[in-house]
Amino acid sequence: MLHWKRVLRPLAAFLLAAAAVTVPSAASARAAAAPSSGWNDYTCVPSAAHPRPVVLVHGTLGNSVDNWLGLAPYLKHRGYCVYSLDYGQLPGVPFFHGLGPVEKSAEQLDAFVDKVLAATGADEADLVGHSQGGMMPRHYLKFLGGAAEVNALVGIAPSNHGTTLGGLTALLPYFPGAEDLLSEATPALADQVAGSDFLTRLNAGGDTVPGVRYTVIATRYDQVVTPYRSSFLTGPNVRNVLLQDLCPVDLSEHLAVGLFDRIVFHEVANALDPARAKPTTCASVFS
């Protein structure tokens, strides 16, 4: 029988390799997110057209800068006050966040939204998250009172019902101690395995809470959240969008949809302001 490390090693290698391609030079990235750029500017005053600040929530192994070098300027250019946070830090792991227990990460999001609302004077915020960042806020909404402070949650390839990683996670029970090791080493990864205790609690009693609008944008070519339809939610005030229904030739996978796909960005803007929404098509790449 194969040792459990032979299962976990390719899983870890895949995730770390995926993360590595998202990290540009620290100096250029931090400069892009400086308040002078208009992003993370706590003097920003929401406009009448866009009265709610937008909080961007990165995914597993992400951070508040590198995940949003595409979407943050896109939204700022359209008149939004835009903010992003780091969460889910583990000791001794710099730059890569979103690794700690998802429940604890939701507490960090709670505190950050309070900070943004206090700075902007807004009554509510809108949340946009990629991968874990599209799922984790649902714990904040459901269990931490976030529904009173949030108008809309937009999830880009969110891990709402977990992932099988193409069937790889189904092998974990066959390797004694593997699941415990995964939980100890990277709690957020364990929380996102389909059928985990965390996801069972999160989705019990329904996927949504009253008073919040939900949009999910998934891609058929997602190789991280599998099957891709596990991203979708059920319930009132939910809109599930498959990227390839908007543009059949868009081949973006899990990372691309959050990092630089402007067709996705256009649909995010529609979700944030449905009263002014414009049709999203392949031509939206030029928006």
C-alpha atoms as a PDB file:
ATOM      1  CA  MET A   1       0.000   0.000   0.000  1.00  0.00           C
ATOM      2  CA  LEU A   2       1.224   3.501  -0.819  1.00  0.00           C
ATOM      3  CA  HIS A   3       2.221   5.653   2.128  1.00  0.00           C
ATOM      4  CA  TRP A   4      -0.149   8.558   2.794  1.00  0.00           C
ATOM      5  CA  LYS A   5       2.674  11.040   2.105  1.00  0.00           C
ATOM      6  CA  ARG A   6       2.492  10.033  -1.546  1.00  0.00           C
ATOM      7  CA  VAL A   7      -1.044  11.368  -1.624  1.00  0.00           C
ATOM      8  CA  LEU A   8      -0.404  14.557   0.296  1.00  0.00           C
ATOM      9  CA  ARG A   9       2.821  15.486  -1.491  1.00  0.00           C
ATOM     10  CA  PRO A  10       1.260  15.947  -4.954  1.00  0.00           C
ATOM     11  CA  LEU A  11      -1.644  17.812  -3.389  1.00  0.00           C
ATOM     12  CA  ALA A  12       0.675  20.225  -1.604  1.00  0.00           C
ATOM     13  CA  ALA A  13       2.936  20.572  -4.628  1.00  0.00           C
ATOM     14  CA  PHE A  14       0.001  21.397  -6.886  1.00  0.00           C
ATOM     15  CA  LEU A  15      -1.315  24.079  -4.554  1.00  0.00           C
ATOM     16  CA  LEU A  16       2.082  25.661  -3.944  1.00  0.00           C
ATOM     17  CA  ALA A  17       2.872  25.711  -7.651  1.00  0.00           C
ATOM     18  CA  ALA A  18      -0.453  27.371  -8.339  1.00  0.00           C
ATOM     19  CA  ALA A  19       0.245  29.962  -5.687  1.00  0.00           C
ATOM     20  CA  ALA A  20       3.749  30.681  -6.927  1.00  0.00           C
ATOM     21  CA  VAL A  21       2.542  31.974 -10.272  1.00  0.00           C
ATOM     22  CA  THR A  22       0.425  34.616  -8.531  1.00  0.00           C
ATOM     23  CA  VAL A  23       3.281  36.363  -6.706  1.00  0.00           C
ATOM     24  CA  PRO A  24       4.935  39.258  -8.561  1.00  0.00           C
ATOM     25  CA  SER A  25       7.693  41.311  -6.987  1.00  0.00           C
ATOM     26  CA  ALA A  26       6.731  42.463  -3.505  1.00  0.00           C
ATOM     27  CA  ALA A  27       7.709  46.071  -4.191  1.00  0.00           C
ATOM     28  CA  SER A  28       5.605  46.446  -7.342  1.00  0.00           C
ATOM     29  CA  ALA A  29       2.626  44.673  -5.811  1.00  0.00           C
ATOM     30  CA  ARG A  30       2.611  46.732  -2.620  1.00  0.00           C
ATOM     31  CA  ALA A  31       2.929  49.919  -4.651  1.00  0.00           C
ATOM     32  CA  ALA A  32      -0.095  48.929  -6.727  1.00  0.00           C
ATOM     33  CA  ALA A  33      -2.183  48.558  -3.571  1.00  0.00           C
ATOM     34  CA  ALA A  34      -0.938  51.709  -1.831  1.00  0.00           C
ATOM     35  CA  PRO A  35      -3.579  54.273  -0.808  1.00  0.00           C
ATOM     36  CA  SER A  36      -2.173  56.665  -3.424  1.00  0.00           C
ATOM     37  CA  SER A  37      -3.490  54.287  -6.078  1.00  0.00           C
ATOM     38  CA  GLY A  38      -6.990  54.669  -4.650  1.00  0.00           C
ATOM     39  CA  TRP A  39      -7.115  51.065  -3.435  1.00  0.00           C
ATOM     40  CA  ASN A  40      -7.166  50.577   0.354  1.00  0.00           C
ATOM     41  CA  ASP A  41      -7.655  54.311   0.738  1.00  0.00           C
ATOM     42  CA  TYR A  42      -9.380  54.869   4.077  1.00  0.00           C
ATOM     43  CA  THR A  43     -10.196  58.466   3.149  1.00  0.00           C
ATOM     44  CA  CYS A  44     -12.347  57.251   0.228  1.00  0.00           C
ATOM     45  CA  VAL A  45     -15.946  58.488   0.463  1.00  0.00           C
ATOM     46  CA  PRO A  46     -18.529  56.234  -1.226  1.00  0.00           C
ATOM     47  CA  SER A  47     -20.473  57.994  -3.956  1.00  0.00           C
ATOM     48  CA  ALA A  48     -24.215  58.175  -4.394  1.00  0.00           C
ATOM     49  CA  ALA A  49     -23.858  55.848  -7.390  1.00  0.00           C
ATOM     50  CA  HIS A  50     -21.808  53.320  -5.400  1.00  0.00           C
ATOM     51  CA  PRO A  51     -22.692  53.847  -1.738  1.00  0.00           C
ATOM     52  CA  ARG A  52     -21.228  50.589  -0.432  1.00  0.00           C
ATOM     53  CA  PRO A  53     -17.497  49.906  -0.130  1.00  0.00           C
ATOM     54  CA  VAL A  54     -16.280  46.682  -1.715  1.00  0.00           C
ATOM     55  CA  VAL A  55     -14.192  44.278   0.365  1.00  0.00           C
ATOM     56  CA  LEU A  56     -12.086  41.796  -1.613  1.00  0.00           C
ATOM     57  CA  VAL A  57     -11.371  38.434   0.025  1.00  0.00           C
ATOM     58  CA  HIS A  58      -8.475  36.395  -1.361  1.00  0.00           C
ATOM     59  CA  GLY A  59      -8.331  32.615  -1.583  1.00  0.00           C
ATOM     60  CA  THR A  60      -6.200  29.851  -0.108  1.00  0.00           C
ATOM     61  CA  LEU A  61      -2.468  30.613  -0.371  1.00  0.00           C
ATOM     62  CA  GLY A  62      -3.336  34.135  -1.530  1.00  0.00           C
ATOM     63  CA  ASN A  63      -2.856  37.572  -0.044  1.00  0.00           C
ATOM     64  CA  SER A  64      -4.512  40.965  -0.059  1.00  0.00           C
ATOM     65  CA  VAL A  65      -2.378  42.336  -2.888  1.00  0.00           C
ATOM     66  CA  ASP A  66      -1.450  39.696  -5.438  1.00  0.00           C
ATOM     67  CA  ASN A  67      -4.949  38.297  -5.760  1.00  0.00           C
ATOM     68  CA  TRP A  68      -6.387  41.675  -6.712  1.00  0.00           C
ATOM     69  CA  LEU A  69      -3.933  43.379  -9.063  1.00  0.00           C
ATOM     70  CA  GLY A  70      -6.557  42.992 -11.786  1.00  0.00           C
ATOM     71  CA  LEU A  71      -9.955  43.370 -10.118  1.00  0.00           C
ATOM     72  CA  ALA A  72      -9.182  46.092  -7.559  1.00  0.00           C
ATOM     73  CA  PRO A  73      -8.129  48.704 -10.146  1.00  0.00           C
ATOM     74  CA  TYR A  74     -10.994  47.593 -12.390  1.00  0.00           C
ATOM     75  CA  LEU A  75     -13.548  48.383  -9.674  1.00  0.00           C
ATOM     76  CA  LYS A  76     -11.760  51.507  -8.463  1.00  0.00           C
ATOM     77  CA  HIS A  77     -11.816  52.877 -12.008  1.00  0.00           C
ATOM     78  CA  ARG A  78     -15.587  52.417 -11.944  1.00  0.00           C
ATOM     79  CA  GLY A  79     -15.994  54.571  -8.865  1.00  0.00           C
ATOM     80  CA  TYR A  80     -15.956  52.101  -5.972  1.00  0.00           C
ATOM     81  CA  CYS A  81     -14.131  52.412  -2.667  1.00  0.00           C
ATOM     82  CA  VAL A  82     -12.144  49.168  -2.653  1.00  0.00           C
ATOM     83  CA  TYR A  83     -10.435  47.372   0.228  1.00  0.00           C
ATOM     84  CA  SER A  84      -8.715  44.031   0.734  1.00  0.00           C
ATOM     85  CA  LEU A  85      -7.485  42.100   3.747  1.00  0.00           C
ATOM     86  CA  ASP A  86      -5.079  39.344   4.660  1.00  0.00           C
ATOM     87  CA  TYR A  87      -6.490  36.511   6.740  1.00  0.00           C
ATOM     88  CA  GLY A  88      -5.821  32.932   7.764  1.00  0.00           C
ATOM     89  CA  GLN A  89      -2.121  33.365   8.559  1.00  0.00           C
ATOM     90  CA  LEU A  90      -0.052  30.474   9.890  1.00  0.00           C
ATOM     91  CA  PRO A  91       3.120  31.007  11.947  1.00  0.00           C
ATOM     92  CA  GLY A  92       6.274  30.922   9.865  1.00  0.00           C
ATOM     93  CA  VAL A  93       4.460  31.163   6.518  1.00  0.00           C
ATOM     94  CA  PRO A  94       4.925  34.640   4.997  1.00  0.00           C
ATOM     95  CA  PHE A  95       3.139  35.953   1.891  1.00  0.00           C
ATOM     96  CA  PHE A  96       0.779  32.948   1.610  1.00  0.00           C
ATOM     97  CA  HIS A  97      -2.369  33.307   3.689  1.00  0.00           C
ATOM     98  CA  GLY A  98      -5.806  31.712   3.855  1.00  0.00           C
ATOM     99  CA  LEU A  99      -4.358  28.624   5.523  1.00  0.00           C
ATOM    100  CA  GLY A 100      -5.764  28.823   9.057  1.00  0.00           C
ATOM    101  CA  PRO A 101      -9.138  27.480  10.261  1.00  0.00           C
ATOM    102  CA  VAL A 102     -11.915  29.007   8.185  1.00  0.00           C
ATOM    103  CA  GLU A 103     -13.970  29.893  11.261  1.00  0.00           C
ATOM    104  CA  LYS A 104     -11.082  31.988  12.610  1.00  0.00           C
ATOM    105  CA  SER A 105     -10.626  33.615   9.214  1.00  0.00           C
ATOM    106  CA  ALA A 106     -14.290  34.633   9.262  1.00  0.00           C
ATOM    107  CA  GLU A 107     -13.648  36.410  12.562  1.00  0.00           C
ATOM    108  CA  GLN A 108     -10.865  38.370  10.887  1.00  0.00           C
ATOM    109  CA  LEU A 109     -13.224  39.310   8.074  1.00  0.00           C
ATOM    110  CA  ASP A 110     -15.797  40.451  10.633  1.00  0.00           C
ATOM    111  CA  ALA A 111     -13.300  42.832  12.233  1.00  0.00           C
ATOM    112  CA  PHE A 112     -12.102  44.111   8.855  1.00  0.00           C
ATOM    113  CA  VAL A 113     -15.604  44.894   7.587  1.00  0.00           C
ATOM    114  CA  ASP A 114     -16.265  46.806  10.820  1.00  0.00           C
ATOM    115  CA  LYS A 115     -13.081  48.813  10.181  1.00  0.00           C
ATOM    116  CA  VAL A 116     -14.097  49.629   6.599  1.00  0.00           C
ATOM    117  CA  LEU A 117     -17.622  50.653   7.573  1.00  0.00           C
ATOM    118  CA  ALA A 118     -16.308  52.887  10.356  1.00  0.00           C
ATOM    119  CA  ALA A 119     -13.848  54.570   7.987  1.00  0.00           C
ATOM    120  CA  THR A 120     -16.293  55.119   5.134  1.00  0.00           C
ATOM    121  CA  GLY A 121     -19.439  55.849   7.149  1.00  0.00           C
ATOM    122  CA  ALA A 122     -21.355  53.296   5.087  1.00  0.00           C
ATOM    123  CA  ASP A 123     -24.072  51.135   6.612  1.00  0.00           C
ATOM    124  CA  GLU A 124     -23.269  48.071   4.509  1.00  0.00           C
ATOM    125  CA  ALA A 125     -20.467  46.629   2.417  1.00  0.00           C
ATOM    126  CA  ASP A 126     -20.368  44.332  -0.581  1.00  0.00           C
ATOM    127  CA  LEU A 127     -18.004  41.348  -0.549  1.00  0.00           C
ATOM    128  CA  VAL A 128     -16.190  39.794  -3.512  1.00  0.00           C
ATOM    129  CA  GLY A 129     -14.178  36.650  -2.880  1.00  0.00           C
ATOM    130  CA  HIS A 130     -12.158  34.175  -4.904  1.00  0.00           C
ATOM    131  CA  SER A 131     -12.049  30.453  -4.091  1.00  0.00           C
ATOM    132  CA  GLN A 132     -12.029  30.096  -0.273  1.00  0.00           C
ATOM    133  CA  GLY A 133     -12.621  33.845  -0.200  1.00  0.00           C
ATOM    134  CA  GLY A 134     -16.009  33.352  -1.821  1.00  0.00           C
ATOM    135  CA  MET A 135     -17.014  30.644   0.637  1.00  0.00           C
ATOM    136  CA  MET A 136     -15.533  31.819   3.957  1.00  0.00           C
ATOM    137  CA  PRO A 137     -17.703  34.982   4.142  1.00  0.00           C
ATOM    138  CA  ARG A 138     -20.775  32.751   4.322  1.00  0.00           C
ATOM    139  CA  HIS A 139     -19.681  31.710   7.835  1.00  0.00           C
ATOM    140  CA  TYR A 140     -19.426  35.388   8.751  1.00  0.00           C
ATOM    141  CA  LEU A 141     -22.882  36.039   7.313  1.00  0.00           C
ATOM    142  CA  LYS A 142     -24.522  33.028   8.933  1.00  0.00           C
ATOM    143  CA  PHE A 143     -22.893  32.808  12.364  1.00  0.00           C
ATOM    144  CA  LEU A 144     -21.209  36.145  13.143  1.00  0.00           C
ATOM    145  CA  GLY A 145     -23.950  38.649  12.360  1.00  0.00           C
ATOM    146  CA  GLY A 146     -22.512  39.668   9.018  1.00  0.00           C
ATOM    147  CA  ALA A 147     -25.889  39.672   7.284  1.00  0.00           C
ATOM    148  CA  ALA A 148     -26.653  42.976   9.034  1.00  0.00           C
ATOM    149  CA  GLU A 149     -23.555  44.581   7.498  1.00  0.00           C
ATOM    150  CA  VAL A 150     -23.454  43.060   4.005  1.00  0.00           C
ATOM    151  CA  ASN A 151     -25.662  43.730   1.002  1.00  0.00           C
ATOM    152  CA  ALA A 152     -24.151  41.301  -1.510  1.00  0.00           C
ATOM    153  CA  LEU A 153     -21.634  38.456  -1.701  1.00  0.00           C
ATOM    154  CA  VAL A 154     -20.039  37.682  -5.057  1.00  0.00           C
ATOM    155  CA  GLY A 155     -18.084  34.430  -5.187  1.00  0.00           C
ATOM    156  CA  ILE A 156     -15.612  33.725  -7.990  1.00  0.00           C
ATOM    157  CA  ALA A 157     -15.061  29.953  -8.226  1.00  0.00           C
ATOM    158  CA  PRO A 158     -15.941  29.608  -4.527  1.00  0.00           C
ATOM    159  CA  SER A 159     -15.508  26.358  -2.604  1.00  0.00           C
ATOM    160  CA  ASN A 160     -19.069  26.520  -1.286  1.00  0.00           C
ATOM    161  CA  HIS A 161     -19.570  22.769  -1.055  1.00  0.00           C
ATOM    162  CA  GLY A 162     -15.938  21.786  -0.946  1.00  0.00           C
ATOM    163  CA  THR A 163     -13.741  20.077  -3.472  1.00  0.00           C
ATOM    164  CA  THR A 164     -12.763  16.538  -4.381  1.00  0.00           C
ATOM    165  CA  LEU A 165      -9.642  17.786  -6.235  1.00  0.00           C
ATOM    166  CA  GLY A 166     -10.618  15.552  -9.101  1.00  0.00           C
ATOM    167  CA  GLY A 167     -11.207  12.603  -6.803  1.00  0.00           C
ATOM    168  CA  LEU A 168      -7.894  12.864  -4.947  1.00  0.00           C
ATOM    169  CA  THR A 169      -9.491  13.680  -1.600  1.00  0.00           C
ATOM    170  CA  ALA A 170     -11.507  10.441  -1.754  1.00  0.00           C
ATOM    171  CA  LEU A 171      -8.244   8.597  -1.160  1.00  0.00           C
ATOM    172  CA  LEU A 172      -7.506  10.268   2.183  1.00  0.00           C
ATOM    173  CA  PRO A 173      -9.513   7.809   4.339  1.00  0.00           C
ATOM    174  CA  TYR A 174      -7.397   4.954   2.998  1.00  0.00           C
ATOM    175  CA  PHE A 175      -4.243   6.404   4.535  1.00  0.00           C
ATOM    176  CA  PRO A 176      -4.365   6.380   8.350  1.00  0.00           C
ATOM    177  CA  GLY A 177      -3.485   9.741   9.837  1.00  0.00           C
ATOM    178  CA  ALA A 178      -3.579  11.639   6.543  1.00  0.00           C
ATOM    179  CA  GLU A 179      -6.725  13.587   7.361  1.00  0.00           C
ATOM    180  CA  ASP A 180      -5.420  14.514  10.809  1.00  0.00           C
ATOM    181  CA  LEU A 181      -2.137  15.652   9.328  1.00  0.00           C
ATOM    182  CA  LEU A 182      -3.902  17.791   6.733  1.00  0.00           C
ATOM    183  CA  SER A 183      -6.025  19.397   9.483  1.00  0.00           C
ATOM    184  CA  GLU A 184      -2.974  20.154  11.608  1.00  0.00           C
ATOM    185  CA  ALA A 185      -0.717  21.416   8.825  1.00  0.00           C
ATOM    186  CA  THR A 186      -3.201  23.446   6.760  1.00  0.00           C
ATOM    187  CA  PRO A 187      -6.582  23.641   8.503  1.00  0.00           C
ATOM    188  CA  ALA A 188      -8.196  25.636   5.698  1.00  0.00           C
ATOM    189  CA  LEU A 189      -7.457  22.908   3.157  1.00  0.00           C
ATOM    190  CA  ALA A 190      -9.036  20.299   5.424  1.00  0.00           C
ATOM    191  CA  ASP A 191     -12.067  22.533   5.946  1.00  0.00           C
ATOM    192  CA  GLN A 192     -12.570  22.723   2.173  1.00  0.00           C
ATOM    193  CA  VAL A 193     -12.565  18.999   1.492  1.00  0.00           C
ATOM    194  CA  ALA A 194     -16.051  17.969   0.370  1.00  0.00           C
ATOM    195  CA  GLY A 195     -17.966  16.553   3.325  1.00  0.00           C
ATOM    196  CA  SER A 196     -15.759  18.152   5.989  1.00  0.00           C
ATOM    197  CA  ASP A 197     -17.212  18.886   9.419  1.00  0.00           C
ATOM    198  CA  PHE A 198     -16.862  22.603   8.736  1.00  0.00           C
ATOM    199  CA  LEU A 199     -18.779  22.522   5.462  1.00  0.00           C
ATOM    200  CA  THR A 200     -21.444  20.266   6.941  1.00  0.00           C
ATOM    201  CA  ARG A 201     -22.117  22.882   9.627  1.00  0.00           C
ATOM    202  CA  LEU A 202     -21.933  25.770   7.173  1.00  0.00           C
ATOM    203  CA  ASN A 203     -24.456  24.313   4.740  1.00  0.00           C
ATOM    204  CA  ALA A 204     -26.851  22.800   7.282  1.00  0.00           C
ATOM    205  CA  GLY A 205     -30.229  24.483   7.119  1.00  0.00           C
ATOM    206  CA  GLY A 206     -29.613  26.094   3.743  1.00  0.00           C
ATOM    207  CA  ASP A 207     -26.864  27.816   1.793  1.00  0.00           C
ATOM    208  CA  THR A 208     -28.024  31.404   2.264  1.00  0.00           C
ATOM    209  CA  VAL A 209     -29.270  33.872   4.848  1.00  0.00           C
ATOM    210  CA  PRO A 210     -32.087  36.405   4.384  1.00  0.00           C
ATOM    211  CA  GLY A 211     -31.271  39.931   3.289  1.00  0.00           C
ATOM    212  CA  VAL A 212     -28.120  39.180   1.290  1.00  0.00           C
ATOM    213  CA  ARG A 213     -27.841  38.898  -2.500  1.00  0.00           C
ATOM    214  CA  TYR A 214     -25.589  36.086  -3.713  1.00  0.00           C
ATOM    215  CA  THR A 215     -23.834  35.724  -7.044  1.00  0.00           C
ATOM    216  CA  VAL A 216     -21.611  32.772  -7.922  1.00  0.00           C
ATOM    217  CA  ILE A 217     -19.398  32.806 -11.018  1.00  0.00           C
ATOM    218  CA  ALA A 218     -17.932  29.390 -11.862  1.00  0.00           C
ATOM    219  CA  THR A 219     -15.868  28.037 -14.742  1.00  0.00           C
ATOM    220  CA  ARG A 220     -16.272  24.702 -16.428  1.00  0.00           C
ATOM    221  CA  TYR A 221     -12.488  24.372 -16.459  1.00  0.00           C
ATOM    222  CA  ASP A 222     -11.968  24.666 -12.702  1.00  0.00           C
ATOM    223  CA  GLN A 223      -9.326  22.142 -11.700  1.00  0.00           C
ATOM    224  CA  VAL A 224      -9.238  23.112  -8.005  1.00  0.00           C
ATOM    225  CA  VAL A 225     -12.892  23.279  -6.972  1.00  0.00           C
ATOM    226  CA  THR A 226     -14.227  20.036  -8.400  1.00  0.00           C
ATOM    227  CA  PRO A 227     -16.781  19.322  -9.580  1.00  0.00           C
ATOM    228  CA  TYR A 228     -17.197  22.935 -10.682  1.00  0.00           C
ATOM    229  CA  ARG A 229     -20.924  22.902  -9.956  1.00  0.00           C
ATOM    230  CA  SER A 230     -20.147  22.483  -6.264  1.00  0.00           C
ATOM    231  CA  SER A 231     -19.510  26.239  -6.318  1.00  0.00           C
ATOM    232  CA  PHE A 232     -23.193  26.931  -6.948  1.00  0.00           C
ATOM    233  CA  LEU A 233     -25.639  27.850  -4.186  1.00  0.00           C
ATOM    234  CA  THR A 234     -29.332  27.160  -3.749  1.00  0.00           C
ATOM    235  CA  GLY A 235     -31.784  29.493  -2.097  1.00  0.00           C
ATOM    236  CA  PRO A 236     -33.539  32.816  -2.570  1.00  0.00           C
ATOM    237  CA  ASN A 237     -31.617  35.811  -3.897  1.00  0.00           C
ATOM    238  CA  VAL A 238     -29.056  33.557  -5.603  1.00  0.00           C
ATOM    239  CA  ARG A 239     -27.735  33.928  -9.133  1.00  0.00           C
ATOM    240  CA  ASN A 240     -25.445  31.153 -10.361  1.00  0.00           C
ATOM    241  CA  VAL A 241     -23.428  31.998 -13.465  1.00  0.00           C
ATOM    242  CA  LEU A 242     -21.318  29.645 -15.583  1.00  0.00           C
ATOM    243  CA  LEU A 243     -18.610  31.665 -17.329  1.00  0.00           C
ATOM    244  CA  GLN A 244     -18.857  29.631 -20.520  1.00  0.00           C
ATOM    245  CA  ASP A 245     -22.554  30.493 -20.802  1.00  0.00           C
ATOM    246  CA  LEU A 246     -21.433  34.121 -21.124  1.00  0.00           C
ATOM    247  CA  CYS A 247     -18.502  33.415 -23.433  1.00  0.00           C
ATOM    248  CA  PRO A 248     -18.176  29.844 -24.731  1.00  0.00           C
ATOM    249  CA  VAL A 249     -14.567  30.346 -25.848  1.00  0.00           C
ATOM    250  CA  ASP A 250     -13.334  31.545 -22.452  1.00  0.00           C
ATOM    251  CA  LEU A 251     -11.042  28.744 -21.207  1.00  0.00           C
ATOM    252  CA  SER A 252     -10.083  30.381 -17.901  1.00  0.00           C
ATOM    253  CA  GLU A 253      -9.478  27.941 -15.048  1.00  0.00           C
ATOM    254  CA  HIS A 254      -9.559  28.416 -11.274  1.00  0.00           C
ATOM    255  CA  LEU A 255      -6.698  30.896 -10.958  1.00  0.00           C
ATOM    256  CA  ALA A 256      -7.364  32.897 -14.114  1.00  0.00           C
ATOM    257  CA  VAL A 257     -10.980  33.695 -13.278  1.00  0.00           C
ATOM    258  CA  GLY A 258      -9.920  35.501 -10.119  1.00  0.00           C
ATOM    259  CA  LEU A 259      -6.674  37.056 -11.268  1.00  0.00           C
ATOM    260  CA  PHE A 260      -7.145  38.567 -14.719  1.00  0.00           C
ATOM    261  CA  ASP A 261     -10.300  37.482 -16.578  1.00  0.00           C
ATOM    262  CA  ARG A 262     -12.008  40.741 -17.530  1.00  0.00           C
ATOM    263  CA  ILE A 263     -15.151  38.911 -18.627  1.00  0.00           C
ATOM    264  CA  VAL A 264     -15.459  37.743 -15.016  1.00  0.00           C
ATOM    265  CA  PHE A 265     -14.657  41.267 -13.797  1.00  0.00           C
ATOM    266  CA  HIS A 266     -17.484  42.643 -15.952  1.00  0.00           C
ATOM    267  CA  GLU A 267     -19.909  40.160 -14.426  1.00  0.00           C
ATOM    268  CA  VAL A 268     -18.677  41.072 -10.919  1.00  0.00           C
ATOM    269  CA  ALA A 269     -19.471  44.718 -11.683  1.00  0.00           C
ATOM    270  CA  ASN A 270     -22.945  43.682 -12.821  1.00  0.00           C
ATOM    271  CA  ALA A 271     -23.485  41.756  -9.599  1.00  0.00           C
ATOM    272  CA  LEU A 272     -22.453  44.746  -7.505  1.00  0.00           C
ATOM    273  CA  ASP A 273     -24.762  47.118  -9.391  1.00  0.00           C
ATOM    274  CA  PRO A 274     -27.570  45.094 -10.999  1.00  0.00           C
ATOM    275  CA  ALA A 275     -29.626  48.216 -11.698  1.00  0.00           C
ATOM    276  CA  ARG A 276     -26.933  49.349 -14.157  1.00  0.00           C
ATOM    277  CA  ALA A 277     -25.911  45.921 -15.422  1.00  0.00           C
ATOM    278  CA  LYS A 278     -24.873  45.515 -19.032  1.00  0.00           C
ATOM    279  CA  PRO A 279     -24.806  42.189 -20.892  1.00  0.00           C
ATOM    280  CA  THR A 280     -21.617  40.217 -20.350  1.00  0.00           C
ATOM    281  CA  THR A 281     -20.262  38.652 -23.547  1.00  0.00           C
ATOM    282  CA  CYS A 282     -16.901  37.689 -25.007  1.00  0.00           C
ATOM    283  CA  ALA A 283     -16.532  41.351 -25.978  1.00  0.00           C
ATOM    284  CA  SER A 284     -16.473  42.234 -22.284  1.00  0.00           C
ATOM    285  CA  VAL A 285     -12.789  41.353 -22.347  1.00  0.00           C
ATOM    286  CA  PHE A 286     -12.349  44.905 -23.638  1.00  0.00           C
ATOM    287  CA  SER A 287     -14.467  46.500 -20.910  1.00  0.00           C
END
